[in-house]
Amino acid sequence: MDSMQLLAQLFPQGHEVTVVDDFISGTATIAGQGISVIGTSGHTPIGVEIALAQARAVLATVRDHPQRAILLLVDTQGQRLRHRDEMLGINSYMAHLGKCIELARQSGHKIIALVYDQALSGGFITSGMMADACYALPEATIRVMGLPAMARITKVPEEKLAALALHNPVFAPGPKNYERMGGIQAIWQGDLAQRLHEALLQADGSDRRSELGQQRGGRRKAQQVIDAVLLQASHAG
């Protein structure tokens, strides 16, 4: 599904959202309330320009529309791998985007993300994974690192990683595996406008990903480690 088809389904009563050079921005209305729409399309890589454009749109919402909800639409092949972007400090631009989203949350904005096509590596981490809750369409492609790259980094044979991926969602891509790990709150099907409305009603700013991962059997230890650290910290205090 391309971005304009998605927008039509999310906002059947119409919207004022544009897509220019794969940057999505604008406003729409859901259940009678305004919402800012920010994101990317066309599998675009996140370079310094589009990271800064998204950050600017988030800050404009915080400044001009206090506590207005924000919808982040995610379709990216990840961080742009160019010497120019690295020399300009793409990591700092992406960190800036993440900080702007956190500022919006602390300022009372509900933030929902939807992966509607691709969500890869750093482009996903600093957008969709920064939301109060991240959702996905069934046909979405989600992964932080592909198995060939993982094999190169870890020195574990790709065949072994592929075998592990059959049973452990940590090694496997796709929305269902990320849902099991708690990274994806749910996979949307049916009436997307209704799903968005429900997600906004449920959003509360709390991070339940580790808890959900434990409940769903995708991340069995993360919440246990968090609980142990918090318990130790309380004893130390």
C-alpha atoms as a PDB file:
ATOM      1  CA  MET A   1       0.000   0.000   0.000  1.00  0.00           C
ATOM      2  CA  ASP A   2       1.458   3.390  -0.959  1.00  0.00           C
ATOM      3  CA  SER A   3       1.253   6.428   1.314  1.00  0.00           C
ATOM      4  CA  MET A   4      -1.685   8.121  -0.442  1.00  0.00           C
ATOM      5  CA  GLN A   5      -3.784   4.953  -0.347  1.00  0.00           C
ATOM      6  CA  LEU A   6      -2.965   4.605   3.331  1.00  0.00           C
ATOM      7  CA  LEU A   7      -3.949   8.194   4.088  1.00  0.00           C
ATOM      8  CA  ALA A   8      -7.272   7.700   2.320  1.00  0.00           C
ATOM      9  CA  GLN A   9      -8.040   4.719   4.530  1.00  0.00           C
ATOM     10  CA  LEU A  10      -6.866   6.361   7.739  1.00  0.00           C
ATOM     11  CA  PHE A  11      -8.833   9.545   7.080  1.00  0.00           C
ATOM     12  CA  PRO A  12     -11.835   8.712   4.886  1.00  0.00           C
ATOM     13  CA  GLN A  13     -13.358  12.162   5.539  1.00  0.00           C
ATOM     14  CA  GLY A  14     -10.325  13.806   3.960  1.00  0.00           C
ATOM     15  CA  HIS A  15      -7.034  15.278   5.137  1.00  0.00           C
ATOM     16  CA  GLU A  16      -4.480  18.004   4.483  1.00  0.00           C
ATOM     17  CA  VAL A  17      -1.400  15.807   4.271  1.00  0.00           C
ATOM     18  CA  THR A  18       1.141  16.098   1.480  1.00  0.00           C
ATOM     19  CA  VAL A  19       4.005  13.902   0.311  1.00  0.00           C
ATOM     20  CA  VAL A  20       6.953  15.875  -1.059  1.00  0.00           C
ATOM     21  CA  ASP A  21      10.271  14.168  -1.836  1.00  0.00           C
ATOM     22  CA  ASP A  22       9.132  11.188   0.256  1.00  0.00           C
ATOM     23  CA  PHE A  23       8.489  13.394   3.309  1.00  0.00           C
ATOM     24  CA  ILE A  24       4.954  13.142   4.694  1.00  0.00           C
ATOM     25  CA  SER A  25       3.535  16.065   6.637  1.00  0.00           C
ATOM     26  CA  GLY A  26       0.242  17.741   7.343  1.00  0.00           C
ATOM     27  CA  THR A  27      -2.893  17.547   9.438  1.00  0.00           C
ATOM     28  CA  ALA A  28      -6.064  15.505   9.540  1.00  0.00           C
ATOM     29  CA  THR A  29      -9.019  14.889  11.837  1.00  0.00           C
ATOM     30  CA  ILE A  30      -9.852  11.716  13.722  1.00  0.00           C
ATOM     31  CA  ALA A  31     -13.000  11.468  15.861  1.00  0.00           C
ATOM     32  CA  GLY A  32     -13.386  15.227  15.685  1.00  0.00           C
ATOM     33  CA  GLN A  33      -9.865  15.944  16.945  1.00  0.00           C
ATOM     34  CA  GLY A  34      -6.934  17.311  14.971  1.00  0.00           C
ATOM     35  CA  ILE A  35      -3.859  15.140  14.468  1.00  0.00           C
ATOM     36  CA  SER A  36      -0.439  15.918  13.002  1.00  0.00           C
ATOM     37  CA  VAL A  37       0.806  13.398  10.444  1.00  0.00           C
ATOM     38  CA  ILE A  38       4.567  13.071   9.940  1.00  0.00           C
ATOM     39  CA  GLY A  39       6.567  10.369   8.204  1.00  0.00           C
ATOM     40  CA  THR A  40       8.281   8.974   5.144  1.00  0.00           C
ATOM     41  CA  SER A  41       7.362   7.084   1.997  1.00  0.00           C
ATOM     42  CA  GLY A  42       8.959   5.313  -0.940  1.00  0.00           C
ATOM     43  CA  HIS A  43      11.355   3.277   1.250  1.00  0.00           C
ATOM     44  CA  THR A  44      13.362   6.474   1.557  1.00  0.00           C
ATOM     45  CA  PRO A  45      16.629   6.301   3.500  1.00  0.00           C
ATOM     46  CA  ILE A  46      16.869   8.669   6.453  1.00  0.00           C
ATOM     47  CA  GLY A  47      19.514  11.263   5.691  1.00  0.00           C
ATOM     48  CA  VAL A  48      20.213  14.541   7.457  1.00  0.00           C
ATOM     49  CA  GLU A  49      17.583  16.482   5.483  1.00  0.00           C
ATOM     50  CA  ILE A  50      14.609  14.223   6.129  1.00  0.00           C
ATOM     51  CA  ALA A  51      15.583  13.607   9.764  1.00  0.00           C
ATOM     52  CA  LEU A  52      15.693  17.371  10.295  1.00  0.00           C
ATOM     53  CA  ALA A  53      12.402  17.861   8.414  1.00  0.00           C
ATOM     54  CA  GLN A  54      10.642  15.342  10.657  1.00  0.00           C
ATOM     55  CA  ALA A  55      12.111  16.908  13.786  1.00  0.00           C
ATOM     56  CA  ARG A  56      11.022  20.365  12.608  1.00  0.00           C
ATOM     57  CA  ALA A  57       7.465  19.108  12.031  1.00  0.00           C
ATOM     58  CA  VAL A  58       7.316  17.576  15.512  1.00  0.00           C
ATOM     59  CA  LEU A  59       8.557  20.801  17.128  1.00  0.00           C
ATOM     60  CA  ALA A  60       6.071  22.863  15.096  1.00  0.00           C
ATOM     61  CA  THR A  61       3.256  20.715  16.489  1.00  0.00           C
ATOM     62  CA  VAL A  62       4.515  21.179  20.058  1.00  0.00           C
ATOM     63  CA  ARG A  63       4.786  24.937  19.526  1.00  0.00           C
ATOM     64  CA  ASP A  64       1.589  25.633  17.579  1.00  0.00           C
ATOM     65  CA  HIS A  65      -0.810  22.854  18.646  1.00  0.00           C
ATOM     66  CA  PRO A  66      -0.357  21.964  22.329  1.00  0.00           C
ATOM     67  CA  GLN A  67      -1.215  18.346  23.162  1.00  0.00           C
ATOM     68  CA  ARG A  68      -2.351  17.546  19.616  1.00  0.00           C
ATOM     69  CA  ALA A  69      -1.839  13.860  18.812  1.00  0.00           C
ATOM     70  CA  ILE A  70       0.937  12.890  16.391  1.00  0.00           C
ATOM     71  CA  LEU A  71       0.875   9.999  13.922  1.00  0.00           C
ATOM     72  CA  LEU A  72       4.249   8.790  12.632  1.00  0.00           C
ATOM     73  CA  LEU A  73       4.008   6.893   9.339  1.00  0.00           C
ATOM     74  CA  VAL A  74       7.023   4.656   8.784  1.00  0.00           C
ATOM     75  CA  ASP A  75       8.378   3.482   5.440  1.00  0.00           C
ATOM     76  CA  THR A  76      12.165   3.610   5.314  1.00  0.00           C
ATOM     77  CA  GLN A  77      15.088   1.437   4.288  1.00  0.00           C
ATOM     78  CA  GLY A  78      17.010   2.815   7.265  1.00  0.00           C
ATOM     79  CA  GLN A  79      19.849   5.236   7.728  1.00  0.00           C
ATOM     80  CA  ARG A  80      21.266   6.694   4.499  1.00  0.00           C
ATOM     81  CA  LEU A  81      24.701   5.208   3.934  1.00  0.00           C
ATOM     82  CA  ARG A  82      26.585   8.073   2.356  1.00  0.00           C
ATOM     83  CA  HIS A  83      29.927   9.582   3.256  1.00  0.00           C
ATOM     84  CA  ARG A  84      28.346  13.065   3.234  1.00  0.00           C
ATOM     85  CA  ASP A  85      25.720  12.118   5.815  1.00  0.00           C
ATOM     86  CA  GLU A  86      28.300  10.440   8.024  1.00  0.00           C
ATOM     87  CA  MET A  87      30.577  13.503   7.867  1.00  0.00           C
ATOM     88  CA  LEU A  88      27.647  15.782   8.744  1.00  0.00           C
ATOM     89  CA  GLY A  89      26.853  13.601  11.757  1.00  0.00           C
ATOM     90  CA  ILE A  90      23.725  11.700  10.721  1.00  0.00           C
ATOM     91  CA  ASN A  91      23.709   9.992  14.120  1.00  0.00           C
ATOM     92  CA  SER A  92      23.238  13.382  15.784  1.00  0.00           C
ATOM     93  CA  TYR A  93      20.393  14.320  13.442  1.00  0.00           C
ATOM     94  CA  MET A  94      18.618  11.052  14.166  1.00  0.00           C
ATOM     95  CA  ALA A  95      19.193  11.478  17.899  1.00  0.00           C
ATOM     96  CA  HIS A  96      17.743  14.981  17.592  1.00  0.00           C
ATOM     97  CA  LEU A  97      14.599  13.525  15.997  1.00  0.00           C
ATOM     98  CA  GLY A  98      14.239  11.048  18.848  1.00  0.00           C
ATOM     99  CA  LYS A  99      14.684  13.830  21.420  1.00  0.00           C
ATOM    100  CA  CYS A 100      12.026  15.957  19.701  1.00  0.00           C
ATOM    101  CA  ILE A 101       9.561  13.054  19.848  1.00  0.00           C
ATOM    102  CA  GLU A 102      10.341  12.597  23.547  1.00  0.00           C
ATOM    103  CA  LEU A 103       9.839  16.325  24.118  1.00  0.00           C
ATOM    104  CA  ALA A 104       6.426  16.054  22.459  1.00  0.00           C
ATOM    105  CA  ARG A 105       5.505  13.138  24.734  1.00  0.00           C
ATOM    106  CA  GLN A 106       6.609  15.045  27.841  1.00  0.00           C
ATOM    107  CA  SER A 107       4.545  18.004  26.619  1.00  0.00           C
ATOM    108  CA  GLY A 108       1.362  15.928  26.594  1.00  0.00           C
ATOM    109  CA  HIS A 109       1.160  14.800  22.966  1.00  0.00           C
ATOM    110  CA  LYS A 110      -0.043  11.260  22.303  1.00  0.00           C
ATOM    111  CA  ILE A 111       2.258   9.665  19.714  1.00  0.00           C
ATOM    112  CA  ILE A 112       1.263   6.678  17.582  1.00  0.00           C
ATOM    113  CA  ALA A 113       3.447   5.080  14.912  1.00  0.00           C
ATOM    114  CA  LEU A 114       2.338   2.876  12.042  1.00  0.00           C
ATOM    115  CA  VAL A 115       4.719   0.797   9.929  1.00  0.00           C
ATOM    116  CA  TYR A 116       2.876   0.500   6.643  1.00  0.00           C
ATOM    117  CA  ASP A 117       5.700  -0.741   4.403  1.00  0.00           C
ATOM    118  CA  GLN A 118       9.393  -1.002   5.333  1.00  0.00           C
ATOM    119  CA  ALA A 119      10.961  -0.312   8.725  1.00  0.00           C
ATOM    120  CA  LEU A 120      14.669  -1.017   8.815  1.00  0.00           C
ATOM    121  CA  SER A 121      17.477  -0.268  11.281  1.00  0.00           C
ATOM    122  CA  GLY A 122      18.086   3.264  12.569  1.00  0.00           C
ATOM    123  CA  GLY A 123      15.303   4.842  10.531  1.00  0.00           C
ATOM    124  CA  PHE A 124      12.828   2.757  12.526  1.00  0.00           C
ATOM    125  CA  ILE A 125      14.511   3.104  15.908  1.00  0.00           C
ATOM    126  CA  THR A 126      14.389   6.918  15.945  1.00  0.00           C
ATOM    127  CA  SER A 127      10.805   7.184  14.696  1.00  0.00           C
ATOM    128  CA  GLY A 128       8.436   4.233  15.132  1.00  0.00           C
ATOM    129  CA  MET A 129      10.127   2.841  18.224  1.00  0.00           C
ATOM    130  CA  MET A 130      10.029   6.254  19.906  1.00  0.00           C
ATOM    131  CA  ALA A 131       6.217   6.387  19.821  1.00  0.00           C
ATOM    132  CA  ASP A 132       3.914   5.642  22.755  1.00  0.00           C
ATOM    133  CA  ALA A 133       2.869   2.578  20.772  1.00  0.00           C
ATOM    134  CA  CYS A 134       3.942   1.279  17.371  1.00  0.00           C
ATOM    135  CA  TYR A 135       1.585  -0.682  15.133  1.00  0.00           C
ATOM    136  CA  ALA A 136       2.049  -2.352  11.742  1.00  0.00           C
ATOM    137  CA  LEU A 137       0.124  -3.518   8.719  1.00  0.00           C
ATOM    138  CA  PRO A 138       0.268  -7.283   7.991  1.00  0.00           C
ATOM    139  CA  GLU A 139       2.332  -6.836   4.827  1.00  0.00           C
ATOM    140  CA  ALA A 140       4.955  -4.604   6.467  1.00  0.00           C
ATOM    141  CA  THR A 141       8.651  -5.510   6.462  1.00  0.00           C
ATOM    142  CA  ILE A 142      10.357  -4.908   9.804  1.00  0.00           C
ATOM    143  CA  ARG A 143      13.895  -5.682  10.857  1.00  0.00           C
ATOM    144  CA  VAL A 144      16.741  -3.917  12.602  1.00  0.00           C
ATOM    145  CA  MET A 145      19.416  -6.056  10.992  1.00  0.00           C
ATOM    146  CA  GLY A 146      19.140  -8.645   8.235  1.00  0.00           C
ATOM    147  CA  LEU A 147      20.522 -12.118   8.854  1.00  0.00           C
ATOM    148  CA  PRO A 148      23.461 -11.737   6.396  1.00  0.00           C
ATOM    149  CA  ALA A 149      24.591  -8.558   8.185  1.00  0.00           C
ATOM    150  CA  MET A 150      23.997 -10.175  11.572  1.00  0.00           C
ATOM    151  CA  ALA A 151      26.158 -13.121  10.534  1.00  0.00           C
ATOM    152  CA  ARG A 152      28.991 -10.793   9.520  1.00  0.00           C
ATOM    153  CA  ILE A 153      28.834  -8.858  12.792  1.00  0.00           C
ATOM    154  CA  THR A 154      28.422 -11.795  15.185  1.00  0.00           C
ATOM    155  CA  LYS A 155      30.615 -14.265  13.236  1.00  0.00           C
ATOM    156  CA  VAL A 156      27.795 -16.804  13.601  1.00  0.00           C
ATOM    157  CA  PRO A 157      27.052 -18.704  10.356  1.00  0.00           C
ATOM    158  CA  GLU A 158      23.983 -17.390   8.559  1.00  0.00           C
ATOM    159  CA  GLU A 159      22.570 -20.920   8.355  1.00  0.00           C
ATOM    160  CA  LYS A 160      22.622 -21.175  12.156  1.00  0.00           C
ATOM    161  CA  LEU A 161      20.953 -17.784  12.533  1.00  0.00           C
ATOM    162  CA  ALA A 162      18.277 -18.822  10.032  1.00  0.00           C
ATOM    163  CA  ALA A 163      17.618 -21.956  12.083  1.00  0.00           C
ATOM    164  CA  LEU A 164      17.393 -19.894  15.288  1.00  0.00           C
ATOM    165  CA  ALA A 165      14.975 -17.502  13.579  1.00  0.00           C
ATOM    166  CA  LEU A 166      12.507 -20.337  13.066  1.00  0.00           C
ATOM    167  CA  HIS A 167      11.922 -20.538  16.825  1.00  0.00           C
ATOM    168  CA  ASN A 168      13.200 -17.267  18.310  1.00  0.00           C
ATOM    169  CA  PRO A 169      11.629 -13.971  17.173  1.00  0.00           C
ATOM    170  CA  VAL A 170      14.726 -12.009  18.218  1.00  0.00           C
ATOM    171  CA  PHE A 171      16.484 -13.343  15.113  1.00  0.00           C
ATOM    172  CA  ALA A 172      13.525 -13.120  12.744  1.00  0.00           C
ATOM    173  CA  PRO A 173      12.067 -10.188  10.788  1.00  0.00           C
ATOM    174  CA  GLY A 174       8.416  -9.366  10.189  1.00  0.00           C
ATOM    175  CA  PRO A 175       5.539  -7.762  12.128  1.00  0.00           C
ATOM    176  CA  LYS A 176       4.397 -10.983  13.805  1.00  0.00           C
ATOM    177  CA  ASN A 177       7.810 -11.543  15.366  1.00  0.00           C
ATOM    178  CA  TYR A 178       8.044  -7.928  16.509  1.00  0.00           C
ATOM    179  CA  GLU A 179       4.568  -8.243  17.965  1.00  0.00           C
ATOM    180  CA  ARG A 180       5.708 -11.290  19.963  1.00  0.00           C
ATOM    181  CA  MET A 181       8.683  -9.298  21.273  1.00  0.00           C
ATOM    182  CA  GLY A 182       6.440  -6.383  22.262  1.00  0.00           C
ATOM    183  CA  GLY A 183       8.062  -3.956  19.817  1.00  0.00           C
ATOM    184  CA  ILE A 184       4.799  -3.853  17.879  1.00  0.00           C
ATOM    185  CA  GLN A 185       1.693  -3.288  19.973  1.00  0.00           C
ATOM    186  CA  ALA A 186      -0.604  -4.953  17.440  1.00  0.00           C
ATOM    187  CA  ILE A 187      -1.062  -5.620  13.726  1.00  0.00           C
ATOM    188  CA  TRP A 188      -3.852  -3.561  12.208  1.00  0.00           C
ATOM    189  CA  GLN A 189      -6.426  -5.108   9.917  1.00  0.00           C
ATOM    190  CA  GLY A 190      -9.875  -4.023   8.772  1.00  0.00           C
ATOM    191  CA  ASP A 191     -11.002  -0.426   9.347  1.00  0.00           C
ATOM    192  CA  LEU A 192      -7.740   1.522   9.723  1.00  0.00           C
ATOM    193  CA  ALA A 193      -9.503   4.716  10.808  1.00  0.00           C
ATOM    194  CA  GLN A 194     -11.136   2.807  13.649  1.00  0.00           C
ATOM    195  CA  ARG A 195      -7.846   1.144  14.594  1.00  0.00           C
ATOM    196  CA  LEU A 196      -6.183   4.575  14.806  1.00  0.00           C
ATOM    197  CA  HIS A 197      -8.994   5.957  16.934  1.00  0.00           C
ATOM    198  CA  GLU A 198      -8.704   2.990  19.322  1.00  0.00           C
ATOM    199  CA  ALA A 199      -4.924   3.349  19.513  1.00  0.00           C
ATOM    200  CA  LEU A 200      -5.205   7.025  20.463  1.00  0.00           C
ATOM    201  CA  LEU A 201      -7.683   6.195  23.215  1.00  0.00           C
ATOM    202  CA  GLN A 202      -5.290   3.572  24.638  1.00  0.00           C
ATOM    203  CA  ALA A 203      -2.070   5.608  24.386  1.00  0.00           C
ATOM    204  CA  ASP A 204      -0.769   6.682  27.784  1.00  0.00           C
ATOM    205  CA  GLY A 205       2.966   7.270  27.305  1.00  0.00           C
ATOM    206  CA  SER A 206       4.075   4.243  29.333  1.00  0.00           C
ATOM    207  CA  ASP A 207       6.628   1.835  27.863  1.00  0.00           C
ATOM    208  CA  ARG A 208       5.180  -1.679  28.097  1.00  0.00           C
ATOM    209  CA  ARG A 209       7.315  -3.345  25.411  1.00  0.00           C
ATOM    210  CA  SER A 210       9.339  -5.569  27.747  1.00  0.00           C
ATOM    211  CA  GLU A 211       6.218  -6.515  29.688  1.00  0.00           C
ATOM    212  CA  LEU A 212       4.368  -7.403  26.476  1.00  0.00           C
ATOM    213  CA  GLY A 213       7.376  -9.339  25.193  1.00  0.00           C
ATOM    214  CA  GLN A 214       7.349 -11.455  28.355  1.00  0.00           C
ATOM    215  CA  GLN A 215       3.587 -12.054  28.185  1.00  0.00           C
ATOM    216  CA  ARG A 216       3.769 -13.063  24.522  1.00  0.00           C
ATOM    217  CA  GLY A 217       6.822 -15.281  24.924  1.00  0.00           C
ATOM    218  CA  GLY A 218       9.038 -13.316  22.559  1.00  0.00           C
ATOM    219  CA  ARG A 219      11.376 -11.760  25.146  1.00  0.00           C
ATOM    220  CA  ARG A 220      11.468 -13.879  28.245  1.00  0.00           C
ATOM    221  CA  LYS A 221      14.218 -12.151  30.236  1.00  0.00           C
ATOM    222  CA  ALA A 222      14.044  -8.402  29.528  1.00  0.00           C
ATOM    223  CA  GLN A 223      11.296  -7.606  32.043  1.00  0.00           C
ATOM    224  CA  GLN A 224      12.906  -9.863  34.639  1.00  0.00           C
ATOM    225  CA  VAL A 225      16.186  -7.949  34.295  1.00  0.00           C
ATOM    226  CA  ILE A 226      14.364  -4.604  34.558  1.00  0.00           C
ATOM    227  CA  ASP A 227      12.538  -5.738  37.693  1.00  0.00           C
ATOM    228  CA  ALA A 228      15.773  -7.005  39.252  1.00  0.00           C
ATOM    229  CA  VAL A 229      17.592  -3.723  38.549  1.00  0.00           C
ATOM    230  CA  LEU A 230      14.717  -1.662  39.972  1.00  0.00           C
ATOM    231  CA  LEU A 231      14.614  -3.844  43.083  1.00  0.00           C
ATOM    232  CA  GLN A 232      18.373  -3.492  43.597  1.00  0.00           C
ATOM    233  CA  ALA A 233      18.130   0.279  43.080  1.00  0.00           C
ATOM    234  CA  SER A 234      15.353   0.557  45.649  1.00  0.00           C
ATOM    235  CA  HIS A 235      17.431  -1.356  48.205  1.00  0.00           C
ATOM    236  CA  ALA A 236      20.458   0.808  47.483  1.00  0.00           C
ATOM    237  CA  GLY A 237      18.365   3.952  48.012  1.00  0.00           C
END
